[in-house]
Amino acid sequence: MNVKKYSYTFWGTFLTLLLFWILITGRFHWQHLLVGILCSFGVAHFNQDILLDPAERPLFLKTTIKKWISYFYILVVEIFKANWGVAAIVLNPKLDISPGFVKFRTNVKKPVNRVILANSITLTPGTLTVEVEDDVYIVHAITRANAEDVSAWYMMDRLIEIEEMEKDVS
């Protein structure tokens, strides 16, 4: 009999989904817990081939945890600043927009960090990551100034700094 072993990543995903289930249902009856367990297990099982392997994950060390917290805090601040900027553009009677695309390269190496950068750009109002191919990004921006700013965004440097810290440890 061939018994399939599940990785720590699978069980971590399962527990995260189950905790989320309990959080959104707010019920502890056995029926709700059973459905939550079955659904969480099913989702984790059928998606285990797309879950991140340990080698692909960012290293969470004492030094990098602080950098990640700092990165996401600054990202939230940037999202709020961009919201105000887009609101100012939309509320301006002249509607001062000059949409366009910008293509640029980055020195971010790890695929997970490239995805984090692409999503960070997209989460910031006024910009949208259209394509990522290796280290080349194509981004649409609502104004030319936004397009020029995104190609030299300091958040890329923060991701590169985190990668270098991870490389020094491993």
Protein backbone atom coordinates (compact mmCIF):
# COMPACT_ATOMS: atom_id res chain seq x y z
CA MET A 1 0.00 0.00 0.00
CA ASN A 2 1.44 3.33 -1.08
CA VAL A 3 0.86 6.03 1.53
CA LYS A 4 1.33 9.59 0.31
CA LYS A 5 3.31 11.84 2.62
CA TYR A 6 2.45 15.49 2.84
CA SER A 7 5.05 18.20 3.32
CA TYR A 8 5.22 20.86 6.01
CA THR A 9 4.05 23.31 3.37
CA PHE A 10 0.90 21.25 2.81
CA TRP A 11 0.11 21.07 6.53
CA GLY A 12 0.86 24.77 6.99
CA THR A 13 -1.52 25.61 4.16
CA PHE A 14 -4.16 23.25 5.55
CA LEU A 15 -3.96 24.80 9.02
CA THR A 16 -4.02 28.34 7.63
CA LEU A 17 -7.12 27.55 5.58
CA LEU A 18 -8.78 25.85 8.55
CA LEU A 19 -8.07 28.81 10.84
CA PHE A 20 -9.47 31.13 8.18
CA TRP A 21 -12.57 28.93 7.95
CA ILE A 22 -13.07 29.09 11.70
CA LEU A 23 -12.53 32.85 11.64
CA ILE A 24 -15.13 33.52 8.93
CA THR A 25 -17.73 31.07 10.23
CA GLY A 26 -17.25 31.85 13.91
CA ARG A 27 -18.83 28.52 14.80
CA PHE A 28 -17.41 25.57 16.67
CA HIS A 29 -20.16 22.99 16.05
CA TRP A 30 -18.82 19.69 14.85
CA GLN A 31 -20.66 20.04 11.53
CA HIS A 32 -19.01 23.37 10.74
CA LEU A 33 -15.59 22.10 11.81
CA LEU A 34 -15.99 18.93 9.72
CA VAL A 35 -16.90 20.92 6.61
CA GLY A 36 -13.98 23.27 7.29
CA ILE A 37 -11.56 20.37 7.70
CA LEU A 38 -12.76 18.68 4.51
CA CYS A 39 -12.68 21.89 2.45
CA SER A 40 -9.28 22.96 3.80
CA PHE A 41 -7.80 19.52 3.18
CA GLY A 42 -9.26 19.39 -0.32
CA VAL A 43 -7.98 22.82 -1.32
CA ALA A 44 -4.52 22.12 0.12
CA HIS A 45 -4.41 18.67 -1.53
CA PHE A 46 -5.46 19.79 -5.01
CA ASN A 47 -3.14 22.82 -4.93
CA GLN A 48 -0.06 21.22 -3.39
CA ASP A 49 1.80 21.21 -6.71
CA ILE A 50 1.62 25.02 -6.87
CA LEU A 51 2.56 25.61 -3.23
CA LEU A 52 5.98 27.12 -2.65
CA ASP A 53 8.79 24.70 -1.94
CA PRO A 54 11.08 25.61 0.94
CA ALA A 55 13.84 26.62 -1.51
CA GLU A 56 11.51 29.10 -3.23
CA ARG A 57 10.22 30.75 -0.07
CA PRO A 58 11.75 33.88 1.38
CA LEU A 59 13.92 33.16 4.40
CA PHE A 60 12.31 34.45 7.55
CA LEU A 61 15.19 35.17 9.89
CA LYS A 62 15.42 37.75 12.66
CA THR A 63 17.17 40.20 10.35
CA THR A 64 14.93 39.62 7.34
CA ILE A 65 11.68 39.64 9.35
CA LYS A 66 12.35 43.25 10.28
CA LYS A 67 13.03 44.08 6.63
CA TRP A 68 9.84 42.35 5.47
CA ILE A 69 7.74 44.16 8.09
CA SER A 70 9.36 47.43 7.02
CA TYR A 71 8.73 46.61 3.34
CA PHE A 72 5.02 45.94 3.85
CA TYR A 73 4.58 48.95 6.12
CA ILE A 74 6.15 51.23 3.51
CA LEU A 75 4.03 49.55 0.82
CA VAL A 76 0.85 50.42 2.73
CA VAL A 77 2.05 54.03 3.05
CA GLU A 78 2.82 54.11 -0.70
CA ILE A 79 -0.65 52.74 -1.48
CA PHE A 80 -2.27 55.52 0.56
CA LYS A 81 -0.08 58.19 -1.07
CA ALA A 82 -0.92 56.84 -4.52
CA ASN A 83 -4.64 56.80 -3.65
CA TRP A 84 -4.46 60.50 -2.82
CA GLY A 85 -2.58 61.17 -6.06
CA VAL A 86 -5.11 59.31 -8.19
CA ALA A 87 -8.00 61.01 -6.36
CA ALA A 88 -6.41 64.39 -7.11
CA ILE A 89 -6.12 63.48 -10.79
CA VAL A 90 -9.72 62.25 -10.99
CA LEU A 91 -11.16 65.23 -9.10
CA ASN A 92 -9.21 67.76 -11.17
CA PRO A 93 -11.56 69.28 -13.78
CA LYS A 94 -8.77 69.15 -16.40
CA LEU A 95 -8.28 65.41 -15.75
CA ASP A 96 -4.52 65.68 -16.20
CA ILE A 97 -3.70 62.17 -17.37
CA SER A 98 -1.10 60.96 -19.83
CA PRO A 99 -1.35 57.16 -19.74
CA GLY A 100 1.49 55.08 -21.05
CA PHE A 101 3.62 52.03 -20.71
CA VAL A 102 7.11 51.76 -19.30
CA LYS A 103 9.48 48.85 -19.77
CA PHE A 104 12.34 48.38 -17.34
CA ARG A 105 14.73 45.81 -15.90
CA THR A 106 15.27 44.97 -12.27
CA ASN A 107 18.02 43.23 -10.34
CA VAL A 108 15.57 41.26 -8.18
CA LYS A 109 16.65 37.62 -8.59
CA LYS A 110 14.24 35.33 -6.72
CA PRO A 111 11.01 34.54 -8.59
CA VAL A 112 8.92 35.00 -5.42
CA ASN A 113 10.38 38.47 -4.87
CA ARG A 114 9.73 39.35 -8.54
CA VAL A 115 6.09 38.42 -8.01
CA ILE A 116 5.99 40.47 -4.79
CA LEU A 117 7.39 43.46 -6.69
CA ALA A 118 4.90 43.03 -9.55
CA ASN A 119 2.00 42.80 -7.10
CA SER A 120 3.30 45.78 -5.12
CA ILE A 121 3.31 47.85 -8.32
CA THR A 122 -0.21 46.70 -9.19
CA LEU A 123 -1.52 47.36 -5.68
CA THR A 124 -0.34 50.95 -5.90
CA PRO A 125 -3.17 52.91 -7.56
CA GLY A 126 -2.31 54.47 -10.89
CA THR A 127 0.00 51.63 -11.96
CA LEU A 128 -0.59 48.14 -13.30
CA THR A 129 1.98 45.44 -13.98
CA VAL A 130 1.07 44.11 -17.41
CA GLU A 131 3.86 41.60 -17.96
CA VAL A 132 6.87 40.14 -16.17
CA GLU A 133 9.36 38.16 -18.21
CA ASP A 134 12.49 37.18 -16.26
CA ASP A 135 13.83 40.54 -15.05
CA VAL A 136 11.87 42.73 -17.51
CA TYR A 137 8.67 44.42 -16.35
CA ILE A 138 6.06 46.18 -18.47
CA VAL A 139 3.94 48.54 -16.40
CA HIS A 140 1.01 50.76 -17.39
CA ALA A 141 0.75 54.05 -15.54
CA ILE A 142 -1.96 56.71 -15.46
CA THR A 143 0.53 59.58 -15.88
CA ARG A 144 3.96 59.90 -17.43
CA ALA A 145 5.40 60.91 -14.04
CA ASN A 146 4.07 57.70 -12.49
CA ALA A 147 5.60 55.70 -15.33
CA GLU A 148 9.01 57.28 -14.79
CA ASP A 149 8.79 56.84 -11.01
CA VAL A 150 7.95 53.14 -11.16
CA SER A 151 11.08 52.24 -13.13
CA ALA A 152 13.27 53.61 -10.33
CA TRP A 153 11.01 52.72 -7.39
CA TYR A 154 13.01 52.37 -4.19
CA MET A 155 10.99 49.33 -3.16
CA MET A 156 13.05 47.30 -5.66
CA ASP A 157 16.18 48.21 -3.71
CA ARG A 158 14.54 46.98 -0.51
CA LEU A 159 13.82 43.58 -2.11
CA ILE A 160 17.39 43.36 -3.41
CA GLU A 161 18.67 44.19 0.08
CA ILE A 162 16.55 41.39 1.56
CA GLU A 163 17.85 38.95 -1.07
CA GLU A 164 21.45 39.88 -0.23
CA MET A 165 20.79 39.33 3.47
CA GLU A 166 19.33 35.88 2.68
CA LYS A 167 22.31 35.04 0.49
CA ASP A 168 24.75 35.99 3.26
CA VAL A 169 23.00 33.61 5.66
CA SER A 170 22.71 30.62 3.34
